[in-house]
C-alpha cells in the first residue's frame, strides 16, 4: 500500500462493500479513519458514484464521509472510524438485545434511511453487519451499495423483490430492517426453522417464524411491527422510512407505561448513550 498524503495506514481491514479497506490515521487531526481503495472507475463507475453521493450525506446515524481523492492505486474514500461492534456481533455474544434498546436502534436506522432516501439513495445492502454501535451507544448505519453476503447466517436479509432482481425502493430496505429486528430480539434469522414457503397466486411466499414463538418476552405490538415491515408485498409495508420512524416513536411511547419486559440478555452499553432525536418529520402529530 503506497503512501497517501495526509494519512498513515495502520492496518488492513480486508475486502469491504466498496473495495480494499484500511484503518488509517488522519495526520492533521490525529484521529483514526477508515480508508477504502475503490475498484477502477472503468470497471465500477456505479460504485464511484454511490461512494460520492453517500459520503456527502450528513446525519447523526450515518457514518460520515471525510475525504475522497486519487492515489497511484486509484480512487480512495475516507470515512468516519466507528469504534464499536456491529449489532450482529452483539447478538452472537449475548443471544439477543433488550426490546427497548432494539427499538432505539431501529429508530436510528429508520431515520438514517429516511435521510438517504430524501437524497435519492436507498441502502440496498442492510445486514446485521451494517449497523454499528459507536462508543457512547449511538447507532450508525454504513455499507450502502453492492450485494454482500452476511457471514452471520447462510440465509440472507434481502427482500423478495431484490431476490427476484426487480427494481426496488426504500421499502426493500424496510423489509431487510424488519428481518434484522426479528434477529436482534430472538437471536435467530426469521427464516431459520420457519414453516415451508407457500405458493400464493403462483408466487413463492416465505413465512417467517413467529417472533413471539422464539422470543416470548417481546410485546405483541413489536411482533406486529416486524410482520408489517416484512410483508411479502412492498405495498403492505410502510410507504417510507419516515413513516416507519414515526410508528416506532409512537410505539416506544405506548410501551413506556407498560410493565418492563426486558430480559437479562441485554447489550445496553454501560456509558450514557445518545437516543435517536425526533426530527420535525418524525415527531408525532398531536
C-alpha atoms as a PDB file:
ATOM      1  CA  UNK A   1       0.000   0.000   0.000  1.00  0.00           C
ATOM      2  CA  UNK A   2       1.564   3.287  -1.121  1.00  0.00           C
ATOM      3  CA  UNK A   3       1.554   6.459   0.950  1.00  0.00           C
ATOM      4  CA  UNK A   4      -1.491   8.705   0.652  1.00  0.00           C
ATOM      5  CA  UNK A   5      -0.680  12.294   1.625  1.00  0.00           C
ATOM      6  CA  UNK A   6      -2.297  13.227   4.904  1.00  0.00           C
ATOM      7  CA  UNK A   7      -2.908   9.662   6.038  1.00  0.00           C
ATOM      8  CA  UNK A   8      -0.921   6.942   7.765  1.00  0.00           C
ATOM      9  CA  UNK A   9      -2.062   3.384   7.037  1.00  0.00           C
ATOM     10  CA  UNK A  10      -2.270   1.407  10.286  1.00  0.00           C
ATOM     11  CA  UNK A  11      -3.723  -1.976   9.322  1.00  0.00           C
ATOM     12  CA  UNK A  12      -5.638  -3.804   6.618  1.00  0.00           C
ATOM     13  CA  UNK A  13      -9.319  -4.485   7.216  1.00  0.00           C
ATOM     14  CA  UNK A  14      -9.679  -6.725   4.173  1.00  0.00           C
ATOM     15  CA  UNK A  15     -12.337  -6.524   1.474  1.00  0.00           C
ATOM     16  CA  UNK A  16     -15.360  -4.336   2.159  1.00  0.00           C
ATOM     17  CA  UNK A  17     -18.511  -3.500   0.196  1.00  0.00           C
ATOM     18  CA  UNK A  18     -16.632  -0.998  -1.967  1.00  0.00           C
ATOM     19  CA  UNK A  19     -13.059  -2.290  -2.110  1.00  0.00           C
ATOM     20  CA  UNK A  20      -9.919  -2.862  -0.025  1.00  0.00           C
ATOM     21  CA  UNK A  21     -10.301  -1.128   3.330  1.00  0.00           C
ATOM     22  CA  UNK A  22      -7.749   0.007   5.878  1.00  0.00           C
ATOM     23  CA  UNK A  23      -7.692   1.551   9.292  1.00  0.00           C
ATOM     24  CA  UNK A  24      -5.667   4.738   8.944  1.00  0.00           C
ATOM     25  CA  UNK A  25      -4.762   7.863  10.870  1.00  0.00           C
ATOM     26  CA  UNK A  26      -5.695  11.294   9.589  1.00  0.00           C
ATOM     27  CA  UNK A  27      -2.462  13.080  10.398  1.00  0.00           C
ATOM     28  CA  UNK A  28      -3.821  16.633  10.523  1.00  0.00           C
ATOM     29  CA  UNK A  29      -6.370  15.824  13.236  1.00  0.00           C
ATOM     30  CA  UNK A  30      -4.587  12.798  14.717  1.00  0.00           C
ATOM     31  CA  UNK A  31      -7.696  10.636  14.555  1.00  0.00           C
ATOM     32  CA  UNK A  32      -8.482   7.158  13.226  1.00  0.00           C
ATOM     33  CA  UNK A  33     -10.408   6.888   9.955  1.00  0.00           C
ATOM     34  CA  UNK A  34     -11.486   4.174   7.541  1.00  0.00           C
ATOM     35  CA  UNK A  35      -9.776   4.412   4.146  1.00  0.00           C
ATOM     36  CA  UNK A  36     -11.055   2.391   1.192  1.00  0.00           C
ATOM     37  CA  UNK A  37      -9.457   1.972  -2.240  1.00  0.00           C
ATOM     38  CA  UNK A  38     -12.296   1.786  -4.757  1.00  0.00           C
ATOM     39  CA  UNK A  39     -12.115  -0.566  -7.757  1.00  0.00           C
ATOM     40  CA  UNK A  40     -11.063   1.050 -11.078  1.00  0.00           C
ATOM     41  CA  UNK A  41     -13.671   3.530 -12.305  1.00  0.00           C
ATOM     42  CA  UNK A  42     -13.863   1.938 -15.762  1.00  0.00           C
ATOM     43  CA  UNK A  43     -14.921  -1.341 -14.122  1.00  0.00           C
ATOM     44  CA  UNK A  44     -17.125   0.058 -11.380  1.00  0.00           C
ATOM     45  CA  UNK A  45     -18.436   3.518 -12.277  1.00  0.00           C
ATOM     46  CA  UNK A  46     -21.667   2.980 -10.247  1.00  0.00           C
ATOM     47  CA  UNK A  47     -19.615   2.248  -7.124  1.00  0.00           C
ATOM     48  CA  UNK A  48     -17.722   5.530  -7.529  1.00  0.00           C
ATOM     49  CA  UNK A  49     -20.961   7.483  -7.949  1.00  0.00           C
ATOM     50  CA  UNK A  50     -22.550   5.737  -4.982  1.00  0.00           C
ATOM     51  CA  UNK A  51     -19.484   6.424  -2.837  1.00  0.00           C
ATOM     52  CA  UNK A  52     -19.529  10.092  -3.810  1.00  0.00           C
ATOM     53  CA  UNK A  53     -23.225  10.553  -3.022  1.00  0.00           C
ATOM     54  CA  UNK A  54     -23.306   8.548   0.219  1.00  0.00           C
ATOM     55  CA  UNK A  55     -20.135  10.175   1.535  1.00  0.00           C
ATOM     56  CA  UNK A  56     -21.809  13.574   1.131  1.00  0.00           C
ATOM     57  CA  UNK A  57     -24.725  12.593   3.384  1.00  0.00           C
ATOM     58  CA  UNK A  58     -24.687  14.156   6.837  1.00  0.00           C
ATOM     59  CA  UNK A  59     -26.768  12.553   9.576  1.00  0.00           C
ATOM     60  CA  UNK A  60     -26.205  11.600  13.206  1.00  0.00           C
ATOM     61  CA  UNK A  61     -26.897   7.936  12.454  1.00  0.00           C
ATOM     62  CA  UNK A  62     -24.928   7.602   9.208  1.00  0.00           C
ATOM     63  CA  UNK A  63     -21.188   7.007   9.041  1.00  0.00           C
ATOM     64  CA  UNK A  64     -19.789  10.349   7.870  1.00  0.00           C
ATOM     65  CA  UNK A  65     -17.713  10.907   4.751  1.00  0.00           C
ATOM     66  CA  UNK A  66     -14.429  12.770   5.295  1.00  0.00           C
ATOM     67  CA  UNK A  67     -12.405  12.842   2.077  1.00  0.00           C
ATOM     68  CA  UNK A  68     -12.159  11.457  -1.442  1.00  0.00           C
ATOM     69  CA  UNK A  69      -9.193  11.674  -3.780  1.00  0.00           C
ATOM     70  CA  UNK A  70      -6.839   9.854  -6.116  1.00  0.00           C
ATOM     71  CA  UNK A  71      -3.637   7.916  -5.498  1.00  0.00           C
ATOM     72  CA  UNK A  72      -1.488   5.570  -7.618  1.00  0.00           C
ATOM     73  CA  UNK A  73      -3.807   2.678  -6.712  1.00  0.00           C
ATOM     74  CA  UNK A  74      -6.853   4.579  -7.907  1.00  0.00           C
ATOM     75  CA  UNK A  75      -9.553   6.469  -6.034  1.00  0.00           C
ATOM     76  CA  UNK A  76      -9.676   6.419  -2.249  1.00  0.00           C
ATOM     77  CA  UNK A  77     -12.572   7.196   0.068  1.00  0.00           C
ATOM     78  CA  UNK A  78     -12.105   8.222   3.706  1.00  0.00           C
ATOM     79  CA  UNK A  79     -14.959   7.818   6.186  1.00  0.00           C
ATOM     80  CA  UNK A  80     -15.530   8.100   9.900  1.00  0.00           C
ATOM     81  CA  UNK A  81     -13.979   5.375  12.051  1.00  0.00           C
ATOM     82  CA  UNK A  82     -16.635   3.763  14.247  1.00  0.00           C
ATOM     83  CA  UNK A  83     -15.147   2.391  17.449  1.00  0.00           C
ATOM     84  CA  UNK A  84     -17.732  -0.200  18.360  1.00  0.00           C
ATOM     85  CA  UNK A  85     -19.308  -3.535  17.392  1.00  0.00           C
ATOM     86  CA  UNK A  86     -21.835  -4.356  14.696  1.00  0.00           C
ATOM     87  CA  UNK A  87     -25.209  -5.352  16.115  1.00  0.00           C
ATOM     88  CA  UNK A  88     -24.712  -8.833  14.687  1.00  0.00           C
ATOM     89  CA  UNK A  89     -21.565  -9.248  16.779  1.00  0.00           C
ATOM     90  CA  UNK A  90     -23.519  -8.222  19.875  1.00  0.00           C
ATOM     91  CA  UNK A  91     -26.241 -10.793  19.204  1.00  0.00           C
ATOM     92  CA  UNK A  92     -23.712 -13.550  18.636  1.00  0.00           C
ATOM     93  CA  UNK A  93     -22.242 -12.853  22.067  1.00  0.00           C
ATOM     94  CA  UNK A  94     -25.464 -12.238  24.018  1.00  0.00           C
ATOM     95  CA  UNK A  95     -28.157 -14.199  22.195  1.00  0.00           C
ATOM     96  CA  UNK A  96     -30.378 -11.115  21.846  1.00  0.00           C
ATOM     97  CA  UNK A  97     -30.830  -7.473  22.777  1.00  0.00           C
ATOM     98  CA  UNK A  98     -33.437  -5.945  25.100  1.00  0.00           C
ATOM     99  CA  UNK A  99     -36.613  -4.798  23.359  1.00  0.00           C
ATOM    100  CA  UNK A 100     -36.406  -1.130  24.374  1.00  0.00           C
ATOM    101  CA  UNK A 101     -32.819  -0.913  23.132  1.00  0.00           C
ATOM    102  CA  UNK A 102     -33.706  -2.662  19.872  1.00  0.00           C
ATOM    103  CA  UNK A 103     -36.419  -0.082  19.230  1.00  0.00           C
ATOM    104  CA  UNK A 104     -33.874   2.708  19.756  1.00  0.00           C
ATOM    105  CA  UNK A 105     -31.522   1.051  17.251  1.00  0.00           C
ATOM    106  CA  UNK A 106     -34.379   0.519  14.803  1.00  0.00           C
ATOM    107  CA  UNK A 107     -35.486   4.151  15.097  1.00  0.00           C
ATOM    108  CA  UNK A 108     -31.945   5.384  14.414  1.00  0.00           C
ATOM    109  CA  UNK A 109     -31.670   3.181  11.313  1.00  0.00           C
ATOM    110  CA  UNK A 110     -35.076   4.296  10.032  1.00  0.00           C
ATOM    111  CA  UNK A 111     -34.156   7.963  10.451  1.00  0.00           C
ATOM    112  CA  UNK A 112     -30.872   7.375   8.608  1.00  0.00           C
ATOM    113  CA  UNK A 113     -32.672   5.575   5.765  1.00  0.00           C
ATOM    114  CA  UNK A 114     -35.220   8.378   5.537  1.00  0.00           C
ATOM    115  CA  UNK A 115     -32.450  10.972   5.243  1.00  0.00           C
ATOM    116  CA  UNK A 116     -30.722   8.961   2.492  1.00  0.00           C
ATOM    117  CA  UNK A 117     -33.997   8.365   0.628  1.00  0.00           C
ATOM    118  CA  UNK A 118     -34.648  12.108   0.538  1.00  0.00           C
ATOM    119  CA  UNK A 119     -31.375  12.396  -1.385  1.00  0.00           C
ATOM    120  CA  UNK A 120     -32.490   9.680  -3.796  1.00  0.00           C
ATOM    121  CA  UNK A 121     -30.413   6.903  -2.251  1.00  0.00           C
ATOM    122  CA  UNK A 122     -31.507   3.519  -0.928  1.00  0.00           C
ATOM    123  CA  UNK A 123     -29.173   1.383   1.147  1.00  0.00           C
ATOM    124  CA  UNK A 124     -29.796  -1.903  -0.704  1.00  0.00           C
ATOM    125  CA  UNK A 125     -27.395  -3.891   1.472  1.00  0.00           C
ATOM    126  CA  UNK A 126     -28.731  -3.959   5.036  1.00  0.00           C
ATOM    127  CA  UNK A 127     -27.419  -6.813   7.173  1.00  0.00           C
ATOM    128  CA  UNK A 128     -26.654  -7.117  10.909  1.00  0.00           C
ATOM    129  CA  UNK A 129     -23.136  -6.069   9.929  1.00  0.00           C
ATOM    130  CA  UNK A 130     -24.344  -2.738   8.502  1.00  0.00           C
ATOM    131  CA  UNK A 131     -25.434  -1.242  11.839  1.00  0.00           C
ATOM    132  CA  UNK A 132     -22.743  -0.363  14.355  1.00  0.00           C
ATOM    133  CA  UNK A 133     -22.966   0.869  17.915  1.00  0.00           C
ATOM    134  CA  UNK A 134     -20.427   3.650  18.294  1.00  0.00           C
ATOM    135  CA  UNK A 135     -18.686   4.489  21.547  1.00  0.00           C
ATOM    136  CA  UNK A 136     -21.295   6.134  23.772  1.00  0.00           C
ATOM    137  CA  UNK A 137     -24.071   3.964  22.321  1.00  0.00           C
ATOM    138  CA  UNK A 138     -25.023   5.852  19.151  1.00  0.00           C
ATOM    139  CA  UNK A 139     -26.217   3.531  16.329  1.00  0.00           C
ATOM    140  CA  UNK A 140     -24.519   4.161  12.975  1.00  0.00           C
ATOM    141  CA  UNK A 141     -25.540   2.814   9.574  1.00  0.00           C
ATOM    142  CA  UNK A 142     -22.968   2.150   6.858  1.00  0.00           C
ATOM    143  CA  UNK A 143     -22.325  -0.145   3.877  1.00  0.00           C
ATOM    144  CA  UNK A 144     -24.526   1.312   1.117  1.00  0.00           C
ATOM    145  CA  UNK A 145     -24.334  -0.417  -2.193  1.00  0.00           C
ATOM    146  CA  UNK A 146     -23.461  -3.661  -3.916  1.00  0.00           C
ATOM    147  CA  UNK A 147     -24.652  -7.026  -2.643  1.00  0.00           C
ATOM    148  CA  UNK A 148     -22.650  -8.589   0.124  1.00  0.00           C
ATOM    149  CA  UNK A 149     -23.452 -11.877   1.827  1.00  0.00           C
ATOM    150  CA  UNK A 150     -23.645 -11.716   5.599  1.00  0.00           C
ATOM    151  CA  UNK A 151     -21.256 -14.010   7.436  1.00  0.00           C
ATOM    152  CA  UNK A 152     -23.759 -14.375  10.282  1.00  0.00           C
ATOM    153  CA  UNK A 153     -26.047 -16.838   8.510  1.00  0.00           C
ATOM    154  CA  UNK A 154     -26.195 -18.892   5.323  1.00  0.00           C
ATOM    155  CA  UNK A 155     -29.574 -17.221   4.810  1.00  0.00           C
ATOM    156  CA  UNK A 156     -29.721 -13.657   3.565  1.00  0.00           C
ATOM    157  CA  UNK A 157     -31.590 -10.496   4.510  1.00  0.00           C
ATOM    158  CA  UNK A 158     -32.847  -9.443   1.082  1.00  0.00           C
ATOM    159  CA  UNK A 159     -36.408  -8.505   0.274  1.00  0.00           C
ATOM    160  CA  UNK A 160     -38.426 -10.784  -2.041  1.00  0.00           C
ATOM    161  CA  UNK A 161     -38.258  -8.211  -4.844  1.00  0.00           C
ATOM    162  CA  UNK A 162     -34.493  -7.968  -4.515  1.00  0.00           C
ATOM    163  CA  UNK A 163     -34.179 -11.744  -4.702  1.00  0.00           C
ATOM    164  CA  UNK A 164     -36.167 -11.573  -7.943  1.00  0.00           C
ATOM    165  CA  UNK A 165     -33.854  -8.882  -9.317  1.00  0.00           C
ATOM    166  CA  UNK A 166     -36.625  -6.302  -9.637  1.00  0.00           C
ATOM    167  CA  UNK A 167     -36.403  -2.524  -9.364  1.00  0.00           C
ATOM    168  CA  UNK A 168     -36.781  -1.590  -5.698  1.00  0.00           C
ATOM    169  CA  UNK A 169     -37.098   1.383  -3.395  1.00  0.00           C
ATOM    170  CA  UNK A 170     -36.747   2.122   0.310  1.00  0.00           C
ATOM    171  CA  UNK A 171     -39.465  -0.429   1.098  1.00  0.00           C
ATOM    172  CA  UNK A 172     -36.916  -3.106   0.226  1.00  0.00           C
ATOM    173  CA  UNK A 173     -34.624  -1.639   2.914  1.00  0.00           C
ATOM    174  CA  UNK A 174     -37.570  -1.666   5.341  1.00  0.00           C
ATOM    175  CA  UNK A 175     -38.037  -5.399   4.718  1.00  0.00           C
ATOM    176  CA  UNK A 176     -34.365  -6.090   5.482  1.00  0.00           C
ATOM    177  CA  UNK A 177     -34.561  -3.945   8.605  1.00  0.00           C
ATOM    178  CA  UNK A 178     -37.616  -5.938   9.721  1.00  0.00           C
ATOM    179  CA  UNK A 179     -35.644  -9.161   9.370  1.00  0.00           C
ATOM    180  CA  UNK A 180     -32.901  -7.629  11.492  1.00  0.00           C
ATOM    181  CA  UNK A 181     -35.467  -6.515  14.097  1.00  0.00           C
ATOM    182  CA  UNK A 182     -36.518 -10.172  14.384  1.00  0.00           C
ATOM    183  CA  UNK A 183     -32.882 -11.276  14.654  1.00  0.00           C
ATOM    184  CA  UNK A 184     -31.888  -8.728  17.306  1.00  0.00           C
ATOM    185  CA  UNK A 185     -34.768  -9.775  19.559  1.00  0.00           C
ATOM    186  CA  UNK A 186     -34.630 -13.540  19.064  1.00  0.00           C
ATOM    187  CA  UNK A 187     -31.042 -14.276  18.106  1.00  0.00           C
ATOM    188  CA  UNK A 188     -32.399 -16.241  15.137  1.00  0.00           C
ATOM    189  CA  UNK A 189     -32.757 -15.447  11.463  1.00  0.00           C
ATOM    190  CA  UNK A 190     -36.518 -15.053  10.765  1.00  0.00           C
ATOM    191  CA  UNK A 191     -36.481 -17.983   8.339  1.00  0.00           C
ATOM    192  CA  UNK A 192     -34.371 -20.282  10.499  1.00  0.00           C
ATOM    193  CA  UNK A 193     -36.608 -23.320  11.235  1.00  0.00           C
ATOM    194  CA  UNK A 194     -39.531 -21.413   9.682  1.00  0.00           C
ATOM    195  CA  UNK A 195     -42.510 -23.158   8.053  1.00  0.00           C
ATOM    196  CA  UNK A 196     -42.064 -24.182   4.399  1.00  0.00           C
ATOM    197  CA  UNK A 197     -42.646 -21.483   1.815  1.00  0.00           C
ATOM    198  CA  UNK A 198     -46.175 -21.211   0.435  1.00  0.00           C
ATOM    199  CA  UNK A 199     -47.276 -20.675  -3.152  1.00  0.00           C
ATOM    200  CA  UNK A 200     -49.784 -17.820  -3.403  1.00  0.00           C
ATOM    201  CA  UNK A 201     -51.137 -16.870  -6.841  1.00  0.00           C
ATOM    202  CA  UNK A 202     -48.233 -18.698  -8.431  1.00  0.00           C
ATOM    203  CA  UNK A 203     -45.625 -16.856  -6.357  1.00  0.00           C
ATOM    204  CA  UNK A 204     -43.430 -18.363  -3.631  1.00  0.00           C
ATOM    205  CA  UNK A 205     -44.078 -16.617  -0.317  1.00  0.00           C
ATOM    206  CA  UNK A 206     -41.754 -17.240   2.630  1.00  0.00           C
ATOM    207  CA  UNK A 207     -43.370 -17.111   6.066  1.00  0.00           C
ATOM    208  CA  UNK A 208     -41.075 -16.037   8.946  1.00  0.00           C
ATOM    209  CA  UNK A 209     -41.187 -17.973  12.181  1.00  0.00           C
ATOM    210  CA  UNK A 210     -43.484 -16.130  14.643  1.00  0.00           C
ATOM    211  CA  UNK A 211     -41.313 -13.758  16.652  1.00  0.00           C
ATOM    212  CA  UNK A 212     -43.022 -14.372  19.987  1.00  0.00           C
ATOM    213  CA  UNK A 213     -42.604 -18.107  19.470  1.00  0.00           C
ATOM    214  CA  UNK A 214     -38.816 -17.701  19.725  1.00  0.00           C
ATOM    215  CA  UNK A 215     -38.714 -14.542  21.903  1.00  0.00           C
ATOM    216  CA  UNK A 216     -41.596 -14.811  24.366  1.00  0.00           C
ATOM    217  CA  UNK A 217     -40.849 -11.545  26.167  1.00  0.00           C
ATOM    218  CA  UNK A 218     -41.424  -9.498  23.024  1.00  0.00           C
ATOM    219  CA  UNK A 219     -44.509  -7.264  23.042  1.00  0.00           C
ATOM    220  CA  UNK A 220     -47.337  -8.209  20.671  1.00  0.00           C
ATOM    221  CA  UNK A 221     -47.112  -4.676  19.220  1.00  0.00           C
ATOM    222  CA  UNK A 222     -43.446  -5.191  18.313  1.00  0.00           C
ATOM    223  CA  UNK A 223     -44.233  -8.533  16.721  1.00  0.00           C
ATOM    224  CA  UNK A 224     -46.880  -6.809  14.582  1.00  0.00           C
ATOM    225  CA  UNK A 225     -44.347  -4.134  13.632  1.00  0.00           C
ATOM    226  CA  UNK A 226     -41.908  -6.800  12.425  1.00  0.00           C
ATOM    227  CA  UNK A 227     -44.640  -8.562  10.434  1.00  0.00           C
ATOM    228  CA  UNK A 228     -45.629  -5.354   8.658  1.00  0.00           C
ATOM    229  CA  UNK A 229     -42.020  -4.490   7.867  1.00  0.00           C
ATOM    230  CA  UNK A 230     -41.515  -7.987   6.425  1.00  0.00           C
ATOM    231  CA  UNK A 231     -44.756  -8.137   4.450  1.00  0.00           C
ATOM    232  CA  UNK A 232     -44.182 -10.029   1.209  1.00  0.00           C
ATOM    233  CA  UNK A 233     -45.648  -7.267  -0.951  1.00  0.00           C
ATOM    234  CA  UNK A 234     -43.969  -3.832  -0.767  1.00  0.00           C
ATOM    235  CA  UNK A 235     -47.438  -2.230  -0.846  1.00  0.00           C
ATOM    236  CA  UNK A 236     -48.207  -3.834   2.538  1.00  0.00           C
ATOM    237  CA  UNK A 237     -45.117  -2.386   4.247  1.00  0.00           C
ATOM    238  CA  UNK A 238     -44.547   1.179   5.427  1.00  0.00           C
ATOM    239  CA  UNK A 239     -44.559   3.554   2.473  1.00  0.00           C
ATOM    240  CA  UNK A 240     -41.385   5.318   3.601  1.00  0.00           C
ATOM    241  CA  UNK A 241     -38.659   5.153   6.239  1.00  0.00           C
ATOM    242  CA  UNK A 242     -40.059   8.388   7.670  1.00  0.00           C
ATOM    243  CA  UNK A 243     -43.437   6.724   8.218  1.00  0.00           C
ATOM    244  CA  UNK A 244     -41.663   3.775   9.848  1.00  0.00           C
ATOM    245  CA  UNK A 245     -39.712   6.099  12.149  1.00  0.00           C
ATOM    246  CA  UNK A 246     -42.905   7.834  13.226  1.00  0.00           C
ATOM    247  CA  UNK A 247     -44.564   4.497  14.016  1.00  0.00           C
ATOM    248  CA  UNK A 248     -41.552   3.383  16.071  1.00  0.00           C
ATOM    249  CA  UNK A 249     -41.649   6.618  18.086  1.00  0.00           C
ATOM    250  CA  UNK A 250     -45.356   6.183  18.749  1.00  0.00           C
ATOM    251  CA  UNK A 251     -44.813   2.553  19.729  1.00  0.00           C
ATOM    252  CA  UNK A 252     -41.999   3.475  22.125  1.00  0.00           C
ATOM    253  CA  UNK A 253     -44.302   5.982  23.821  1.00  0.00           C
ATOM    254  CA  UNK A 254     -47.126   3.430  24.129  1.00  0.00           C
ATOM    255  CA  UNK A 255     -44.787   0.837  25.634  1.00  0.00           C
ATOM    256  CA  UNK A 256     -43.220   3.268  28.114  1.00  0.00           C
ATOM    257  CA  UNK A 257     -46.143   2.932  30.500  1.00  0.00           C
ATOM    258  CA  UNK A 258     -46.266  -0.851  30.401  1.00  0.00           C
ATOM    259  CA  UNK A 259     -44.580  -3.437  32.618  1.00  0.00           C
ATOM    260  CA  UNK A 260     -40.857  -3.747  31.969  1.00  0.00           C
ATOM    261  CA  UNK A 261     -40.492  -6.660  29.542  1.00  0.00           C
ATOM    262  CA  UNK A 262     -36.734  -6.574  29.190  1.00  0.00           C
ATOM    263  CA  UNK A 263     -34.807  -9.800  29.573  1.00  0.00           C
ATOM    264  CA  UNK A 264     -31.493 -10.111  31.324  1.00  0.00           C
ATOM    265  CA  UNK A 265     -29.770 -10.650  27.988  1.00  0.00           C
ATOM    266  CA  UNK A 266     -29.119  -7.061  27.070  1.00  0.00           C
ATOM    267  CA  UNK A 267     -26.303  -5.419  25.167  1.00  0.00           C
ATOM    268  CA  UNK A 268     -27.002  -1.987  26.645  1.00  0.00           C
ATOM    269  CA  UNK A 269     -23.689  -0.091  26.867  1.00  0.00           C
ATOM    270  CA  UNK A 270     -22.628   0.990  30.324  1.00  0.00           C
ATOM    271  CA  UNK A 271     -21.864   4.514  29.126  1.00  0.00           C
ATOM    272  CA  UNK A 272     -24.603   7.077  28.585  1.00  0.00           C
ATOM    273  CA  UNK A 273     -25.872   6.723  25.049  1.00  0.00           C
ATOM    274  CA  UNK A 274     -27.371   9.123  22.565  1.00  0.00           C
ATOM    275  CA  UNK A 275     -31.010   8.357  21.859  1.00  0.00           C
ATOM    276  CA  UNK A 276     -32.220   8.995  18.305  1.00  0.00           C
ATOM    277  CA  UNK A 277     -33.575  12.520  18.096  1.00  0.00           C
ATOM    278  CA  UNK A 278     -37.024  13.454  16.915  1.00  0.00           C
ATOM    279  CA  UNK A 279     -36.970  15.265  13.635  1.00  0.00           C
ATOM    280  CA  UNK A 280     -39.723  17.594  12.503  1.00  0.00           C
ATOM    281  CA  UNK A 281     -40.881  14.928  10.065  1.00  0.00           C
ATOM    282  CA  UNK A 282     -40.843  12.027  12.520  1.00  0.00           C
ATOM    283  CA  UNK A 283     -42.275  13.891  15.540  1.00  0.00           C
ATOM    284  CA  UNK A 284     -45.679  12.504  16.387  1.00  0.00           C
ATOM    285  CA  UNK A 285     -48.575  14.636  15.273  1.00  0.00           C
ATOM    286  CA  UNK A 286     -50.801  15.615  18.193  1.00  0.00           C
END
